Amino acid sequence: MGGGDSAGRLVRPFTLTGGRTRPSRADFTLIATVTAVDPQPVAAVRCQPEHTRILRLCAEPVAVAELAARLDLPVSVVVILLCDLLEAGRITVRPPRLVSRTTPDLDLLQKVRDGLGRL
């Protein structure tokens, strides 16, 4: 059979979420930014090792999708764990910043054009 690393992958997502399949809040989109209030672990209800990992990774603002990729977990599982941390007051979440659609960022468009030209 497989090596020692593959044994760790046998943990099912519902085990990490305590059997929950839906988040308790709708604050989290793929591009919402999450930041730890205090990245140091403390005892909390439903505290999993993944909660501690999330807090460490969120010491600086990070998008939900990037967080899921770094944790190598499904986004749906990460969102449920983030709900736990938000309800415990351990993280803050910011929705994506709206970009004005009336005035295009000409500098950004120029950089995209130049980058495409180099391809």
PDB file of N, CA and C in Angstrom:
ATOM      1  N   MET A   1       0.839  -1.191   0.000  1.00  0.00           N
ATOM      2  CA  MET A   1       0.000   0.000   0.000  1.00  0.00           C
ATOM      3  C   MET A   1       0.873   1.238   0.000  1.00  0.00           C
ATOM      4  N   GLY A   2       0.244   2.440   0.251  1.00  0.00           N
ATOM      5  CA  GLY A   2       0.958   3.707   0.172  1.00  0.00           C
ATOM      6  C   GLY A   2       1.839   3.952   1.374  1.00  0.00           C
ATOM      7  N   GLY A   3       2.604   5.053   1.282  1.00  0.00           N
ATOM      8  CA  GLY A   3       3.518   5.424   2.351  1.00  0.00           C
ATOM      9  C   GLY A   3       2.796   6.103   3.497  1.00  0.00           C
ATOM     10  N   GLY A   4       3.562   6.574   4.453  1.00  0.00           N
ATOM     11  CA  GLY A   4       3.023   7.203   5.649  1.00  0.00           C
ATOM     12  C   GLY A   4       2.247   8.476   5.369  1.00  0.00           C
ATOM     13  N   ASP A   5       2.665   9.243   4.337  1.00  0.00           N
ATOM     14  CA  ASP A   5       1.979  10.488   4.032  1.00  0.00           C
ATOM     15  C   ASP A   5       0.548  10.257   3.580  1.00  0.00           C
ATOM     16  N   SER A   6       0.301   9.184   2.857  1.00  0.00           N
ATOM     17  CA  SER A   6      -1.045   8.946   2.340  1.00  0.00           C
ATOM     18  C   SER A   6      -2.018   8.592   3.456  1.00  0.00           C
ATOM     19  N   ALA A   7      -1.509   8.079   4.579  1.00  0.00           N
ATOM     20  CA  ALA A   7      -2.394   7.730   5.691  1.00  0.00           C
ATOM     21  C   ALA A   7      -3.069   8.966   6.263  1.00  0.00           C
ATOM     22  N   GLY A   8      -2.383  10.098   6.274  1.00  0.00           N
ATOM     23  CA  GLY A   8      -2.957  11.339   6.774  1.00  0.00           C
ATOM     24  C   GLY A   8      -4.092  11.838   5.909  1.00  0.00           C
ATOM     25  N   ARG A   9      -4.096  11.493   4.657  1.00  0.00           N
ATOM     26  CA  ARG A   9      -5.121  11.944   3.718  1.00  0.00           C
ATOM     27  C   ARG A   9      -6.420  11.173   3.888  1.00  0.00           C
ATOM     28  N   LEU A  10      -6.430  10.155   4.754  1.00  0.00           N
ATOM     29  CA  LEU A  10      -7.633   9.368   4.946  1.00  0.00           C
ATOM     30  C   LEU A  10      -8.653  10.061   5.847  1.00  0.00           C
ATOM     31  N   VAL A  11      -8.286  11.192   6.456  1.00  0.00           N
ATOM     32  CA  VAL A  11      -9.225  11.933   7.290  1.00  0.00           C
ATOM     33  C   VAL A  11     -10.290  12.534   6.380  1.00  0.00           C
ATOM     34  N   ARG A  12     -11.521  12.226   6.673  1.00  0.00           N
ATOM     35  CA  ARG A  12     -12.626  12.709   5.854  1.00  0.00           C
ATOM     36  C   ARG A  12     -12.995  14.141   6.232  1.00  0.00           C
ATOM     37  N   PRO A  13     -13.389  14.944   5.244  1.00  0.00           N
ATOM     38  CA  PRO A  13     -13.745  16.343   5.532  1.00  0.00           C
ATOM     39  C   PRO A  13     -14.811  16.484   6.618  1.00  0.00           C
ATOM     40  N   PHE A  14     -15.811  15.593   6.647  1.00  0.00           N
ATOM     41  CA  PHE A  14     -16.860  15.735   7.666  1.00  0.00           C
ATOM     42  C   PHE A  14     -16.321  15.509   9.071  1.00  0.00           C
ATOM     43  N   THR A  15     -15.192  14.828   9.187  1.00  0.00           N
ATOM     44  CA  THR A  15     -14.557  14.653  10.486  1.00  0.00           C
ATOM     45  C   THR A  15     -14.002  15.985  10.981  1.00  0.00           C
ATOM     46  N   LEU A  16     -13.411  16.753  10.070  1.00  0.00           N
ATOM     47  CA  LEU A  16     -12.843  18.052  10.428  1.00  0.00           C
ATOM     48  C   LEU A  16     -13.916  19.045  10.840  1.00  0.00           C
ATOM     49  N   THR A  17     -15.111  18.895  10.278  1.00  0.00           N
ATOM     50  CA  THR A  17     -16.186  19.855  10.557  1.00  0.00           C
ATOM     51  C   THR A  17     -17.162  19.344  11.603  1.00  0.00           C
ATOM     52  N   GLY A  18     -16.871  18.217  12.212  1.00  0.00           N
ATOM     53  CA  GLY A  18     -17.771  17.659  13.214  1.00  0.00           C
ATOM     54  C   GLY A  18     -19.095  17.213  12.607  1.00  0.00           C
ATOM     55  N   GLY A  19     -19.068  16.789  11.352  1.00  0.00           N
ATOM     56  CA  GLY A  19     -20.267  16.316  10.677  1.00  0.00           C
ATOM     57  C   GLY A  19     -21.081  17.412  10.006  1.00  0.00           C
ATOM     58  N   ARG A  20     -20.672  18.660  10.179  1.00  0.00           N
ATOM     59  CA  ARG A  20     -21.413  19.763   9.553  1.00  0.00           C
ATOM     60  C   ARG A  20     -21.102  19.832   8.066  1.00  0.00           C
ATOM     61  N   THR A  21     -22.124  20.097   7.278  1.00  0.00           N
ATOM     62  CA  THR A  21     -21.934  20.172   5.831  1.00  0.00           C
ATOM     63  C   THR A  21     -22.225  21.560   5.270  1.00  0.00           C
ATOM     64  N   ARG A  22     -22.781  22.432   6.095  1.00  0.00           N
ATOM     65  CA  ARG A  22     -23.091  23.790   5.643  1.00  0.00           C
ATOM     66  C   ARG A  22     -22.533  24.811   6.633  1.00  0.00           C
ATOM     67  N   PRO A  23     -22.026  25.927   6.099  1.00  0.00           N
ATOM     68  CA  PRO A  23     -21.522  26.969   7.005  1.00  0.00           C
ATOM     69  C   PRO A  23     -22.672  27.620   7.767  1.00  0.00           C
ATOM     70  N   SER A  24     -22.375  28.143   8.933  1.00  0.00           N
ATOM     71  CA  SER A  24     -23.389  28.804   9.753  1.00  0.00           C
ATOM     72  C   SER A  24     -23.588  30.260   9.347  1.00  0.00           C
ATOM     73  N   ARG A  25     -22.734  30.759   8.472  1.00  0.00           N
ATOM     74  CA  ARG A  25     -22.796  32.158   8.022  1.00  0.00           C
ATOM     75  C   ARG A  25     -22.536  32.218   6.528  1.00  0.00           C
ATOM     76  N   ALA A  26     -22.898  33.359   5.944  1.00  0.00           N
ATOM     77  CA  ALA A  26     -22.690  33.542   4.504  1.00  0.00           C
ATOM     78  C   ALA A  26     -21.656  34.631   4.223  1.00  0.00           C
ATOM     79  N   ASP A  27     -20.752  34.871   5.167  1.00  0.00           N
ATOM     80  CA  ASP A  27     -19.760  35.939   5.038  1.00  0.00           C
ATOM     81  C   ASP A  27     -18.633  35.614   4.055  1.00  0.00           C
ATOM     82  N   PHE A  28     -18.435  34.352   3.755  1.00  0.00           N
ATOM     83  CA  PHE A  28     -17.222  33.946   3.053  1.00  0.00           C
ATOM     84  C   PHE A  28     -17.472  33.631   1.585  1.00  0.00           C
ATOM     85  N   THR A  29     -16.831  34.425   0.725  1.00  0.00           N
ATOM     86  CA  THR A  29     -16.771  34.120  -0.694  1.00  0.00           C
ATOM     87  C   THR A  29     -15.343  33.683  -0.980  1.00  0.00           C
ATOM     88  N   LEU A  30     -15.096  33.215  -2.176  1.00  0.00           N
ATOM     89  CA  LEU A  30     -13.746  32.766  -2.517  1.00  0.00           C
ATOM     90  C   LEU A  30     -12.706  33.873  -2.399  1.00  0.00           C
ATOM     91  N   ILE A  31     -13.129  35.111  -2.655  1.00  0.00           N
ATOM     92  CA  ILE A  31     -12.160  36.207  -2.651  1.00  0.00           C
ATOM     93  C   ILE A  31     -12.286  37.113  -1.429  1.00  0.00           C
ATOM     94  N   ALA A  32     -13.089  36.712  -0.455  1.00  0.00           N
ATOM     95  CA  ALA A  32     -13.134  37.450   0.807  1.00  0.00           C
ATOM     96  C   ALA A  32     -11.779  37.313   1.490  1.00  0.00           C
ATOM     97  N   THR A  33     -11.361  38.352   2.189  1.00  0.00           N
ATOM     98  CA  THR A  33     -10.064  38.367   2.868  1.00  0.00           C
ATOM     99  C   THR A  33     -10.254  38.083   4.354  1.00  0.00           C
ATOM    100  N   VAL A  34      -9.452  37.155   4.865  1.00  0.00           N
ATOM    101  CA  VAL A  34      -9.537  36.730   6.256  1.00  0.00           C
ATOM    102  C   VAL A  34      -8.232  37.103   6.965  1.00  0.00           C
ATOM    103  N   THR A  35      -8.360  37.630   8.182  1.00  0.00           N
ATOM    104  CA  THR A  35      -7.193  38.002   8.976  1.00  0.00           C
ATOM    105  C   THR A  35      -7.410  37.542  10.412  1.00  0.00           C
ATOM    106  N   ALA A  36      -6.385  36.960  10.998  1.00  0.00           N
ATOM    107  CA  ALA A  36      -6.461  36.529  12.398  1.00  0.00           C
ATOM    108  C   ALA A  36      -6.419  37.750  13.302  1.00  0.00           C
ATOM    109  N   VAL A  37      -7.283  37.759  14.314  1.00  0.00           N
ATOM    110  CA  VAL A  37      -7.249  38.804  15.325  1.00  0.00           C
ATOM    111  C   VAL A  37      -6.007  38.602  16.182  1.00  0.00           C
ATOM    112  N   ASP A  38      -5.747  37.353  16.549  1.00  0.00           N
ATOM    113  CA  ASP A  38      -4.559  36.968  17.299  1.00  0.00           C
ATOM    114  C   ASP A  38      -4.163  35.587  16.801  1.00  0.00           C
ATOM    115  N   PRO A  39      -3.052  35.455  16.078  1.00  0.00           N
ATOM    116  CA  PRO A  39      -2.687  34.164  15.491  1.00  0.00           C
ATOM    117  C   PRO A  39      -2.258  33.100  16.489  1.00  0.00           C
ATOM    118  N   GLN A  40      -2.131  33.442  17.776  1.00  0.00           N
ATOM    119  CA  GLN A  40      -1.728  32.460  18.778  1.00  0.00           C
ATOM    120  C   GLN A  40      -2.905  31.547  19.113  1.00  0.00           C
ATOM    121  N   PRO A  41      -2.702  30.231  19.141  1.00  0.00           N
ATOM    122  CA  PRO A  41      -3.800  29.309  19.439  1.00  0.00           C
ATOM    123  C   PRO A  41      -4.247  29.417  20.897  1.00  0.00           C
ATOM    124  N   VAL A  42      -5.554  29.297  21.085  1.00  0.00           N
ATOM    125  CA  VAL A  42      -6.125  29.221  22.432  1.00  0.00           C
ATOM    126  C   VAL A  42      -7.195  28.149  22.412  1.00  0.00           C
ATOM    127  N   ALA A  43      -7.548  27.664  23.574  1.00  0.00           N
ATOM    128  CA  ALA A  43      -8.591  26.645  23.654  1.00  0.00           C
ATOM    129  C   ALA A  43      -9.908  27.246  23.175  1.00  0.00           C
ATOM    130  N   ALA A  44     -10.606  26.521  22.340  1.00  0.00           N
ATOM    131  CA  ALA A  44     -11.891  26.982  21.816  1.00  0.00           C
ATOM    132  C   ALA A  44     -12.793  25.784  21.585  1.00  0.00           C
ATOM    133  N   VAL A  45     -14.055  26.056  21.515  1.00  0.00           N
ATOM    134  CA  VAL A  45     -15.016  25.002  21.219  1.00  0.00           C
ATOM    135  C   VAL A  45     -14.738  24.478  19.816  1.00  0.00           C
ATOM    136  N   ARG A  46     -14.773  23.168  19.652  1.00  0.00           N
ATOM    137  CA  ARG A  46     -14.530  22.510  18.362  1.00  0.00           C
ATOM    138  C   ARG A  46     -13.135  22.830  17.812  1.00  0.00           C
ATOM    139  N   CYS A  47     -12.177  23.046  18.661  1.00  0.00           N
ATOM    140  CA  CYS A  47     -10.835  23.400  18.207  1.00  0.00           C
ATOM    141  C   CYS A  47     -10.155  22.181  17.593  1.00  0.00           C
ATOM    142  N   GLN A  48      -9.833  22.298  16.334  1.00  0.00           N
ATOM    143  CA  GLN A  48      -9.135  21.266  15.582  1.00  0.00           C
ATOM    144  C   GLN A  48      -7.734  21.784  15.262  1.00  0.00           C
ATOM    145  N   PRO A  49      -6.809  20.899  14.943  1.00  0.00           N
ATOM    146  CA  PRO A  49      -5.487  21.376  14.502  1.00  0.00           C
ATOM    147  C   PRO A  49      -5.594  22.309  13.288  1.00  0.00           C
ATOM    148  N   GLU A  50      -6.616  22.095  12.466  1.00  0.00           N
ATOM    149  CA  GLU A  50      -6.805  22.948  11.285  1.00  0.00           C
ATOM    150  C   GLU A  50      -7.140  24.380  11.686  1.00  0.00           C
ATOM    151  N   HIS A  51      -7.862  24.551  12.810  1.00  0.00           N
ATOM    152  CA  HIS A  51      -8.149  25.904  13.292  1.00  0.00           C
ATOM    153  C   HIS A  51      -6.840  26.637  13.591  1.00  0.00           C
ATOM    154  N   THR A  52      -5.918  25.945  14.238  1.00  0.00           N
ATOM    155  CA  THR A  52      -4.624  26.535  14.571  1.00  0.00           C
ATOM    156  C   THR A  52      -3.850  26.867  13.304  1.00  0.00           C
ATOM    157  N   ARG A  53      -3.881  25.963  12.338  1.00  0.00           N
ATOM    158  CA  ARG A  53      -3.191  26.220  11.062  1.00  0.00           C
ATOM    159  C   ARG A  53      -3.786  27.430  10.366  1.00  0.00           C
ATOM    160  N   ILE A  54      -5.105  27.545  10.381  1.00  0.00           N
ATOM    161  CA  ILE A  54      -5.773  28.692   9.755  1.00  0.00           C
ATOM    162  C   ILE A  54      -5.316  29.983  10.431  1.00  0.00           C
ATOM    163  N   LEU A  55      -5.302  29.997  11.755  1.00  0.00           N
ATOM    164  CA  LEU A  55      -4.891  31.209  12.466  1.00  0.00           C
ATOM    165  C   LEU A  55      -3.466  31.610  12.105  1.00  0.00           C
ATOM    166  N   ARG A  56      -2.596  30.634  11.982  1.00  0.00           N
ATOM    167  CA  ARG A  56      -1.203  30.950  11.612  1.00  0.00           C
ATOM    168  C   ARG A  56      -1.124  31.509  10.189  1.00  0.00           C
ATOM    169  N   LEU A  57      -1.873  30.894   9.272  1.00  0.00           N
ATOM    170  CA  LEU A  57      -1.844  31.350   7.881  1.00  0.00           C
ATOM    171  C   LEU A  57      -2.512  32.710   7.694  1.00  0.00           C
ATOM    172  N   CYS A  58      -3.402  33.064   8.625  1.00  0.00           N
ATOM    173  CA  CYS A  58      -4.129  34.333   8.523  1.00  0.00           C
ATOM    174  C   CYS A  58      -3.478  35.444   9.332  1.00  0.00           C
ATOM    175  N   ALA A  59      -2.231  35.256   9.750  1.00  0.00           N
ATOM    176  CA  ALA A  59      -1.534  36.324  10.463  1.00  0.00           C
ATOM    177  C   ALA A  59      -1.497  37.573   9.584  1.00  0.00           C
ATOM    178  N   GLU A  60      -1.398  37.383   8.300  1.00  0.00           N
ATOM    179  CA  GLU A  60      -1.515  38.444   7.299  1.00  0.00           C
ATOM    180  C   GLU A  60      -2.788  38.158   6.511  1.00  0.00           C
ATOM    181  N   PRO A  61      -3.451  39.180   5.967  1.00  0.00           N
ATOM    182  CA  PRO A  61      -4.692  38.950   5.218  1.00  0.00           C
ATOM    183  C   PRO A  61      -4.490  37.949   4.081  1.00  0.00           C
ATOM    184  N   VAL A  62      -5.441  37.035   3.946  1.00  0.00           N
ATOM    185  CA  VAL A  62      -5.369  36.010   2.912  1.00  0.00           C
ATOM    186  C   VAL A  62      -6.780  35.727   2.399  1.00  0.00           C
ATOM    187  N   ALA A  63      -6.904  35.475   1.099  1.00  0.00           N
ATOM    188  CA  ALA A  63      -8.202  35.162   0.498  1.00  0.00           C
ATOM    189  C   ALA A  63      -8.613  33.737   0.871  1.00  0.00           C
ATOM    190  N   VAL A  64      -9.916  33.515   0.960  1.00  0.00           N
ATOM    191  CA  VAL A  64     -10.446  32.204   1.327  1.00  0.00           C
ATOM    192  C   VAL A  64      -9.945  31.127   0.368  1.00  0.00           C
ATOM    193  N   ALA A  65      -9.965  31.393  -0.930  1.00  0.00           N
ATOM    194  CA  ALA A  65      -9.519  30.404  -1.917  1.00  0.00           C
ATOM    195  C   ALA A  65      -8.045  30.057  -1.722  1.00  0.00           C
ATOM    196  N   GLU A  66      -7.225  31.054  -1.452  1.00  0.00           N
ATOM    197  CA  GLU A  66      -5.793  30.805  -1.229  1.00  0.00           C
ATOM    198  C   GLU A  66      -5.581  30.003   0.053  1.00  0.00           C
ATOM    199  N   LEU A  67      -6.364  30.310   1.057  1.00  0.00           N
ATOM    200  CA  LEU A  67      -6.277  29.583   2.319  1.00  0.00           C
ATOM    201  C   LEU A  67      -6.610  28.105   2.120  1.00  0.00           C
ATOM    202  N   ALA A  68      -7.664  27.823   1.372  1.00  0.00           N
ATOM    203  CA  ALA A  68      -8.042  26.434   1.093  1.00  0.00           C
ATOM    204  C   ALA A  68      -6.930  25.718   0.332  1.00  0.00           C
ATOM    205  N   ALA A  69      -6.314  26.419  -0.609  1.00  0.00           N
ATOM    206  CA  ALA A  69      -5.225  25.808  -1.375  1.00  0.00           C
ATOM    207  C   ALA A  69      -4.029  25.512  -0.477  1.00  0.00           C
ATOM    208  N   ARG A  70      -3.682  26.442   0.399  1.00  0.00           N
ATOM    209  CA  ARG A  70      -2.546  26.228   1.304  1.00  0.00           C
ATOM    210  C   ARG A  70      -2.805  25.087   2.284  1.00  0.00           C
ATOM    211  N   LEU A  71      -4.059  24.934   2.689  1.00  0.00           N
ATOM    212  CA  LEU A  71      -4.418  23.866   3.624  1.00  0.00           C
ATOM    213  C   LEU A  71      -4.649  22.537   2.915  1.00  0.00           C
ATOM    214  N   ASP A  72      -4.769  22.582   1.594  1.00  0.00           N
ATOM    215  CA  ASP A  72      -5.083  21.397   0.789  1.00  0.00           C
ATOM    216  C   ASP A  72      -6.392  20.752   1.269  1.00  0.00           C
ATOM    217  N   LEU A  73      -7.396  21.611   1.470  1.00  0.00           N
ATOM    218  CA  LEU A  73      -8.719  21.174   1.900  1.00  0.00           C
ATOM    219  C   LEU A  73      -9.773  21.768   0.972  1.00  0.00           C
ATOM    220  N   PRO A  74     -10.922  21.118   0.855  1.00  0.00           N
ATOM    221  CA  PRO A  74     -12.002  21.702   0.052  1.00  0.00           C
ATOM    222  C   PRO A  74     -12.439  23.051   0.640  1.00  0.00           C
ATOM    223  N   VAL A  75     -12.800  23.981  -0.234  1.00  0.00           N
ATOM    224  CA  VAL A  75     -13.228  25.302   0.204  1.00  0.00           C
ATOM    225  C   VAL A  75     -14.403  25.187   1.171  1.00  0.00           C
ATOM    226  N   SER A  76     -15.331  24.280   0.905  1.00  0.00           N
ATOM    227  CA  SER A  76     -16.505  24.137   1.769  1.00  0.00           C
ATOM    228  C   SER A  76     -16.113  23.788   3.203  1.00  0.00           C
ATOM    229  N   VAL A  77     -15.102  22.971   3.378  1.00  0.00           N
ATOM    230  CA  VAL A  77     -14.616  22.602   4.714  1.00  0.00           C
ATOM    231  C   VAL A  77     -13.945  23.805   5.362  1.00  0.00           C
ATOM    232  N   VAL A  78     -13.124  24.508   4.615  1.00  0.00           N
ATOM    233  CA  VAL A  78     -12.420  25.671   5.147  1.00  0.00           C
ATOM    234  C   VAL A  78     -13.423  26.735   5.596  1.00  0.00           C
ATOM    235  N   VAL A  79     -14.478  26.946   4.824  1.00  0.00           N
ATOM    236  CA  VAL A  79     -15.484  27.943   5.185  1.00  0.00           C
ATOM    237  C   VAL A  79     -16.165  27.579   6.503  1.00  0.00           C
ATOM    238  N   ILE A  80     -16.465  26.319   6.714  1.00  0.00           N
ATOM    239  CA  ILE A  80     -17.079  25.896   7.979  1.00  0.00           C
ATOM    240  C   ILE A  80     -16.122  26.150   9.139  1.00  0.00           C
ATOM    241  N   LEU A  81     -14.855  25.852   8.948  1.00  0.00           N
ATOM    242  CA  LEU A  81     -13.858  26.108   9.995  1.00  0.00           C
ATOM    243  C   LEU A  81     -13.688  27.610  10.234  1.00  0.00           C
ATOM    244  N   LEU A  82     -13.750  28.398   9.164  1.00  0.00           N
ATOM    245  CA  LEU A  82     -13.665  29.850   9.303  1.00  0.00           C
ATOM    246  C   LEU A  82     -14.866  30.399  10.074  1.00  0.00           C
ATOM    247  N   CYS A  83     -16.037  29.826   9.857  1.00  0.00           N
ATOM    248  CA  CYS A  83     -17.229  30.241  10.610  1.00  0.00           C
ATOM    249  C   CYS A  83     -17.011  30.031  12.108  1.00  0.00           C
ATOM    250  N   ASP A  84     -16.418  28.903  12.472  1.00  0.00           N
ATOM    251  CA  ASP A  84     -16.107  28.641  13.884  1.00  0.00           C
ATOM    252  C   ASP A  84     -15.228  29.751  14.450  1.00  0.00           C
ATOM    253  N   LEU A  85     -14.183  30.091  13.711  1.00  0.00           N
ATOM    254  CA  LEU A  85     -13.231  31.092  14.177  1.00  0.00           C
ATOM    255  C   LEU A  85     -13.841  32.492  14.215  1.00  0.00           C
ATOM    256  N   LEU A  86     -14.688  32.814  13.248  1.00  0.00           N
ATOM    257  CA  LEU A  86     -15.346  34.118  13.235  1.00  0.00           C
ATOM    258  C   LEU A  86     -16.300  34.246  14.415  1.00  0.00           C
ATOM    259  N   GLU A  87     -17.061  33.207  14.669  1.00  0.00           N
ATOM    260  CA  GLU A  87     -18.007  33.230  15.793  1.00  0.00           C
ATOM    261  C   GLU A  87     -17.293  33.272  17.139  1.00  0.00           C
ATOM    262  N   ALA A  88     -16.067  32.764  17.193  1.00  0.00           N
ATOM    263  CA  ALA A  88     -15.269  32.817  18.420  1.00  0.00           C
ATOM    264  C   ALA A  88     -14.501  34.136  18.547  1.00  0.00           C
ATOM    265  N   GLY A  89     -14.626  35.004  17.540  1.00  0.00           N
ATOM    266  CA  GLY A  89     -13.940  36.286  17.573  1.00  0.00           C
ATOM    267  C   GLY A  89     -12.457  36.198  17.276  1.00  0.00           C
ATOM    268  N   ARG A  90     -12.019  35.111  16.642  1.00  0.00           N
ATOM    269  CA  ARG A  90     -10.594  34.886  16.381  1.00  0.00           C
ATOM    270  C   ARG A  90     -10.114  35.448  15.048  1.00  0.00           C
ATOM    271  N   ILE A  91     -11.046  35.726  14.120  1.00  0.00           N
ATOM    272  CA  ILE A  91     -10.681  36.263  12.802  1.00  0.00           C
ATOM    273  C   ILE A  91     -11.629  37.391  12.429  1.00  0.00           C
ATOM    274  N   THR A  92     -11.204  38.167  11.450  1.00  0.00           N
ATOM    275  CA  THR A  92     -12.090  39.138  10.811  1.00  0.00           C
ATOM    276  C   THR A  92     -12.176  38.758   9.344  1.00  0.00           C
ATOM    277  N   VAL A  93     -13.271  39.122   8.714  1.00  0.00           N
ATOM    278  CA  VAL A  93     -13.449  38.835   7.298  1.00  0.00           C
ATOM    279  C   VAL A  93     -13.869  40.121   6.606  1.00  0.00           C
ATOM    280  N   ARG A  94     -13.269  40.362   5.469  1.00  0.00           N
ATOM    281  CA  ARG A  94     -13.606  41.543   4.676  1.00  0.00           C
ATOM    282  C   ARG A  94     -14.072  41.088   3.306  1.00  0.00           C
ATOM    283  N   PRO A  95     -15.210  41.606   2.873  1.00  0.00           N
ATOM    284  CA  PRO A  95     -15.660  41.275   1.515  1.00  0.00           C
ATOM    285  C   PRO A  95     -14.701  41.891   0.503  1.00  0.00           C
ATOM    286  N   PRO A  96     -14.738  41.391  -0.726  1.00  0.00           N
ATOM    287  CA  PRO A  96     -13.842  41.963  -1.737  1.00  0.00           C
ATOM    288  C   PRO A  96     -14.137  43.445  -1.943  1.00  0.00           C
ATOM    289  N   ARG A  97     -13.091  44.188  -2.185  1.00  0.00           N
ATOM    290  CA  ARG A  97     -13.228  45.625  -2.435  1.00  0.00           C
ATOM    291  C   ARG A  97     -13.865  45.840  -3.799  1.00  0.00           C
ATOM    292  N   LEU A  98     -14.898  46.668  -3.820  1.00  0.00           N
ATOM    293  CA  LEU A  98     -15.562  46.963  -5.083  1.00  0.00           C
ATOM    294  C   LEU A  98     -14.697  47.914  -5.894  1.00  0.00           C
ATOM    295  N   VAL A  99     -14.599  47.624  -7.166  1.00  0.00           N
ATOM    296  CA  VAL A  99     -13.821  48.453  -8.076  1.00  0.00           C
ATOM    297  C   VAL A  99     -14.793  49.277  -8.902  1.00  0.00           C
ATOM    298  N   SER A 100     -14.523  50.540  -8.993  1.00  0.00           N
ATOM    299  CA  SER A 100     -15.387  51.419  -9.777  1.00  0.00           C
ATOM    300  C   SER A 100     -15.358  50.987 -11.232  1.00  0.00           C
ATOM    301  N   ARG A 101     -16.509  50.779 -11.780  1.00  0.00           N
ATOM    302  CA  ARG A 101     -16.602  50.341 -13.179  1.00  0.00           C
ATOM    303  C   ARG A 101     -16.699  51.526 -14.140  1.00  0.00           C
ATOM    304  N   THR A 102     -16.830  52.723 -13.610  1.00  0.00           N
ATOM    305  CA  THR A 102     -16.989  53.878 -14.481  1.00  0.00           C
ATOM    306  C   THR A 102     -15.657  54.389 -15.011  1.00  0.00           C
ATOM    307  N   THR A 103     -14.579  54.217 -14.245  1.00  0.00           N
ATOM    308  CA  THR A 103     -13.280  54.685 -14.711  1.00  0.00           C
ATOM    309  C   THR A 103     -12.287  53.528 -14.697  1.00  0.00           C
ATOM    310  N   PRO A 104     -11.863  53.084 -15.869  1.00  0.00           N
ATOM    311  CA  PRO A 104     -10.912  51.970 -15.915  1.00  0.00           C
ATOM    312  C   PRO A 104      -9.538  52.416 -15.415  1.00  0.00           C
ATOM    313  N   ASP A 105      -8.810  51.492 -14.837  1.00  0.00           N
ATOM    314  CA  ASP A 105      -7.453  51.745 -14.369  1.00  0.00           C
ATOM    315  C   ASP A 105      -6.537  51.612 -15.580  1.00  0.00           C
ATOM    316  N   LEU A 106      -6.180  52.748 -16.164  1.00  0.00           N
ATOM    317  CA  LEU A 106      -5.399  52.743 -17.400  1.00  0.00           C
ATOM    318  C   LEU A 106      -4.005  52.162 -17.190  1.00  0.00           C
ATOM    319  N   ASP A 107      -3.431  52.386 -16.021  1.00  0.00           N
ATOM    320  CA  ASP A 107      -2.103  51.835 -15.726  1.00  0.00           C
ATOM    321  C   ASP A 107      -2.163  50.309 -15.719  1.00  0.00           C
ATOM    322  N   LEU A 108      -3.189  49.753 -15.086  1.00  0.00           N
ATOM    323  CA  LEU A 108      -3.351  48.305 -15.048  1.00  0.00           C
ATOM    324  C   LEU A 108      -3.585  47.749 -16.448  1.00  0.00           C
ATOM    325  N   LEU A 109      -4.419  48.399 -17.229  1.00  0.00           N
ATOM    326  CA  LEU A 109      -4.677  47.943 -18.598  1.00  0.00           C
ATOM    327  C   LEU A 109      -3.399  47.961 -19.432  1.00  0.00           C
ATOM    328  N   GLN A 110      -2.567  48.978 -19.254  1.00  0.00           N
ATOM    329  CA  GLN A 110      -1.295  49.071 -19.972  1.00  0.00           C
ATOM    330  C   GLN A 110      -0.380  47.913 -19.589  1.00  0.00           C
ATOM    331  N   LYS A 111      -0.325  47.582 -18.288  1.00  0.00           N
ATOM    332  CA  LYS A 111       0.519  46.482 -17.831  1.00  0.00           C
ATOM    333  C   LYS A 111       0.025  45.144 -18.381  1.00  0.00           C
ATOM    334  N   VAL A 112      -1.278  44.978 -18.442  1.00  0.00           N
ATOM    335  CA  VAL A 112      -1.840  43.737 -19.008  1.00  0.00           C
ATOM    336  C   VAL A 112      -1.497  43.650 -20.490  1.00  0.00           C
ATOM    337  N   ARG A 113      -1.668  44.745 -21.216  1.00  0.00           N
ATOM    338  CA  ARG A 113      -1.334  44.763 -22.645  1.00  0.00           C
ATOM    339  C   ARG A 113       0.135  44.451 -22.877  1.00  0.00           C
ATOM    340  N   ASP A 114       1.005  45.075 -22.085  1.00  0.00           N
ATOM    341  CA  ASP A 114       2.442  44.818 -22.231  1.00  0.00           C
ATOM    342  C   ASP A 114       2.770  43.375 -21.914  1.00  0.00           C
ATOM    343  N   GLY A 115       2.145  42.817 -20.879  1.00  0.00           N
ATOM    344  CA  GLY A 115       2.386  41.425 -20.504  1.00  0.00           C
ATOM    345  C   GLY A 115       1.925  40.479 -21.590  1.00  0.00           C
ATOM    346  N   LEU A 116       0.764  40.753 -22.171  1.00  0.00           N
ATOM    347  CA  LEU A 116       0.269  39.909 -23.258  1.00  0.00           C
ATOM    348  C   LEU A 116       1.169  40.023 -24.497  1.00  0.00           C
ATOM    349  N   GLY A 117       1.712  41.200 -24.709  1.00  0.00           N
ATOM    350  CA  GLY A 117       2.616  41.404 -25.854  1.00  0.00           C
ATOM    351  C   GLY A 117       3.898  40.601 -25.718  1.00  0.00           C
ATOM    352  N   ARG A 118       4.329  40.354 -24.473  1.00  0.00           N
ATOM    353  CA  ARG A 118       5.558  39.586 -24.255  1.00  0.00           C
ATOM    354  C   ARG A 118       5.329  38.089 -24.424  1.00  0.00           C
ATOM    355  N   LEU A 119       4.077  37.645 -24.436  1.00  0.00           N
ATOM    356  CA  LEU A 119       3.797  36.208 -24.593  1.00  0.00           C
ATOM    357  C   LEU A 119       4.062  35.807 -25.986  1.00  0.00           C
TER     358      LEU A 119
END
